[in-house]
Amino acid sequence: MNAYTLLPFIVLIAAMFLMTRSAKKKQQQAAQMRNEMQPGSGVRTIGGMYATVKEVNEDTVLLDAGPGVDLLFAKNAIGAVLTDDEYNRIVHGIEHDLKSDAGLVPDDASSLTETDETDGPAAAAAASDDKIDLGKKDAVEDADAAGAAEAKAQDEPKKTDGDSDAK
């Protein structure tokens, strides 16, 4: 046999070996994560339910999903063990405060730029609190006028084909 004919088979076998090796590593990491679960830690099941671990047994986990709701799951049904900050952020909506608020981006851009009133008319226009008319009022007034004309047309009695004004 020629070496060139064996090359595709060798590449295929090597690819299969690498894929099974990475899958085996992922399975080992998942098993290790499940074995390190402790009561009180937050988890997400493979179905997407968030709960707190109440009790860990050999093959099962007792989860507290809410007040008075205890659920028994297989350990394999736990998709991820979450950190306390991540669990509180997702379940309770509590954002963890960092050391200071200095790195946060402000809600408006006005605090990011400093304008001097001596810069000319552009700076004076930017500094004024007047609202800019974008033409939305005209569109609203036209719609109101059209609605009023339609309501007036509906209030008038309608003539039918058999009716006539002259009698």
Protein backbone atom coordinates (compact mmCIF):
# COMPACT_ATOMS: atom_id res chain seq x y z
CA MET A 1 0.00 0.00 0.00
CA ASN A 2 1.03 3.51 -0.68
CA ALA A 3 1.54 6.04 2.16
CA TYR A 4 -0.77 8.50 0.40
CA THR A 5 -3.69 6.09 0.57
CA LEU A 6 -3.22 5.60 4.33
CA LEU A 7 -2.96 9.33 5.06
CA PRO A 8 -6.74 10.05 5.10
CA PHE A 9 -7.34 7.14 7.49
CA ILE A 10 -4.58 8.33 9.81
CA VAL A 11 -5.99 11.89 9.85
CA LEU A 12 -9.50 10.56 10.53
CA ILE A 13 -8.33 8.39 13.43
CA ALA A 14 -6.33 11.30 14.92
CA ALA A 15 -9.36 13.61 14.70
CA MET A 16 -11.59 11.04 16.40
CA PHE A 17 -9.00 10.59 19.16
CA LEU A 18 -8.78 14.36 19.80
CA MET A 19 -12.58 14.76 19.85
CA THR A 20 -13.12 11.92 22.32
CA ARG A 21 -10.31 13.25 24.50
CA SER A 22 -11.86 16.74 24.76
CA ALA A 23 -15.31 15.25 25.43
CA LYS A 24 -13.84 13.10 28.19
CA LYS A 25 -12.22 16.18 29.78
CA LYS A 26 -15.54 18.03 29.75
CA GLN A 27 -17.29 15.07 31.39
CA GLN A 28 -14.64 14.91 34.10
CA GLN A 29 -14.95 18.64 34.80
CA ALA A 30 -18.76 18.35 35.02
CA ALA A 31 -18.48 15.38 37.41
CA GLN A 32 -15.98 17.27 39.55
CA MET A 33 -18.27 20.34 39.64
CA ARG A 34 -21.21 18.18 40.74
CA ASN A 35 -19.14 16.46 43.43
CA GLU A 36 -18.04 19.83 44.85
CA MET A 37 -21.65 20.99 45.35
CA GLN A 38 -22.45 21.97 48.91
CA PRO A 39 -25.69 22.87 50.67
CA GLY A 40 -26.43 26.57 50.23
CA SER A 41 -24.87 26.98 46.80
CA GLY A 42 -26.97 28.17 43.87
CA VAL A 43 -27.37 25.91 40.85
CA ARG A 44 -28.97 25.88 37.40
CA THR A 45 -30.46 22.62 36.19
CA ILE A 46 -30.14 21.42 32.61
CA GLY A 47 -33.79 22.43 32.21
CA GLY A 48 -32.98 26.03 33.14
CA MET A 49 -34.41 26.13 36.67
CA TYR A 50 -32.49 28.07 39.32
CA ALA A 51 -32.51 26.78 42.88
CA THR A 52 -30.46 26.48 46.05
CA VAL A 53 -28.91 23.18 47.11
CA LYS A 54 -30.49 21.94 50.32
CA GLU A 55 -28.98 18.48 50.59
CA VAL A 56 -26.46 16.45 48.57
CA ASN A 57 -26.65 12.65 48.45
CA GLU A 58 -24.63 10.11 46.47
CA ASP A 59 -26.71 10.23 43.26
CA THR A 60 -29.36 12.85 44.04
CA VAL A 61 -29.61 16.49 45.08
CA LEU A 62 -32.43 18.07 47.06
CA LEU A 63 -33.07 21.60 45.78
CA ASP A 64 -34.98 24.44 47.40
CA ALA A 65 -36.83 26.16 44.53
CA GLY A 66 -38.86 28.52 46.70
CA PRO A 67 -40.67 28.78 50.00
CA GLY A 68 -41.97 25.29 50.78
CA VAL A 69 -40.90 23.85 47.41
CA ASP A 70 -38.28 21.10 47.67
CA LEU A 71 -37.37 19.15 44.55
CA LEU A 72 -35.31 15.99 44.22
CA PHE A 73 -33.04 15.89 41.16
CA ALA A 74 -30.41 13.48 39.89
CA LYS A 75 -26.89 14.89 40.15
CA ASN A 76 -26.56 14.60 36.38
CA ALA A 77 -29.44 17.08 36.00
CA ILE A 78 -27.35 19.91 37.48
CA GLY A 79 -26.03 22.00 34.60
CA ALA A 80 -23.93 24.52 36.52
CA VAL A 81 -23.00 25.47 40.04
CA LEU A 82 -23.17 29.26 40.27
CA THR A 83 -21.21 31.69 42.39
CA ASP A 84 -23.15 33.61 45.04
CA ASP A 85 -22.87 36.88 43.10
CA GLU A 86 -24.06 35.31 39.86
CA TYR A 87 -26.96 33.50 41.57
CA ASN A 88 -28.13 36.69 43.34
CA ARG A 89 -27.87 38.69 40.12
CA ILE A 90 -29.94 36.20 38.13
CA VAL A 91 -32.53 35.11 40.69
CA HIS A 92 -32.96 38.14 42.96
CA GLY A 93 -31.81 40.90 40.59
CA ILE A 94 -29.22 42.09 43.09
CA GLU A 95 -26.20 43.68 41.45
CA HIS A 96 -22.97 43.31 43.39
CA ASP A 97 -21.41 46.71 44.09
CA LEU A 98 -17.79 46.97 43.14
CA LYS A 99 -15.33 48.99 45.21
CA SER A 100 -16.48 52.33 43.83
CA ASP A 101 -18.89 53.84 41.37
CA ALA A 102 -16.11 55.84 39.68
CA GLY A 103 -15.78 53.43 36.76
CA LEU A 104 -19.46 53.47 35.86
CA VAL A 105 -20.71 55.16 32.73
CA PRO A 106 -23.20 57.98 33.43
CA ASP A 107 -26.76 57.81 32.11
CA ASP A 108 -26.42 60.93 29.96
CA ALA A 109 -23.59 62.30 27.89
CA SER A 110 -23.82 65.82 29.32
CA SER A 111 -21.42 65.00 32.13
CA LEU A 112 -18.86 63.62 29.68
CA THR A 113 -18.42 66.87 27.79
CA GLU A 114 -17.73 70.28 29.26
CA THR A 115 -19.03 73.27 27.29
CA ASP A 116 -18.03 76.86 27.76
CA GLU A 117 -20.51 79.58 26.94
CA THR A 118 -17.73 81.49 25.19
CA ASP A 119 -17.50 78.91 22.42
CA GLY A 120 -20.14 80.67 20.37
CA PRO A 121 -23.75 80.05 19.29
CA ALA A 122 -23.32 76.26 19.10
CA ALA A 123 -22.37 76.07 22.77
CA ALA A 124 -25.21 78.40 23.73
CA ALA A 125 -27.70 76.24 21.82
CA ALA A 126 -26.36 73.08 23.43
CA ALA A 127 -26.52 74.60 26.90
CA SER A 128 -30.12 75.80 26.57
CA ASP A 129 -32.91 73.68 27.98
CA ASP A 130 -35.34 74.50 25.16
CA LYS A 131 -36.97 71.51 23.52
CA ILE A 132 -36.34 70.97 19.85
CA ASP A 133 -39.46 70.73 17.67
CA LEU A 134 -39.12 67.64 15.51
CA GLY A 135 -42.45 68.09 13.75
CA LYS A 136 -44.31 65.49 15.74
CA LYS A 137 -46.95 67.98 16.86
CA ASP A 138 -48.08 68.57 13.28
CA ALA A 139 -48.49 64.86 12.68
CA VAL A 140 -50.51 64.45 15.89
CA GLU A 141 -52.75 67.42 15.03
CA ASP A 142 -53.35 66.04 11.50
CA ALA A 143 -54.29 62.67 12.96
CA ASP A 144 -56.69 64.34 15.43
CA ALA A 145 -58.33 66.33 12.61
CA ALA A 146 -58.75 63.19 10.50
CA GLY A 147 -60.25 61.36 13.49
CA ALA A 148 -62.72 64.20 14.12
CA ALA A 149 -63.85 64.24 10.45
CA GLU A 150 -64.36 60.48 10.55
CA ALA A 151 -66.41 60.72 13.77
CA LYS A 152 -68.60 63.46 12.21
CA ALA A 153 -69.22 61.29 9.14
CA GLN A 154 -70.31 58.42 11.35
CA ASP A 155 -72.80 60.57 13.28
CA GLU A 156 -74.74 61.67 10.16
CA PRO A 157 -77.54 59.37 9.03
CA LYS A 158 -76.65 57.36 5.98
CA LYS A 159 -78.78 57.22 2.87
CA THR A 160 -79.65 53.94 1.30
CA ASP A 161 -80.43 53.26 -2.34
CA GLY A 162 -84.21 53.13 -1.76
CA ASP A 163 -84.43 56.42 0.17
CA SER A 164 -84.88 59.78 -1.53
CA ASP A 165 -85.11 63.33 -0.21
CA ALA A 166 -88.14 64.32 -2.34
CA LYS A 167 -91.56 62.97 -1.29
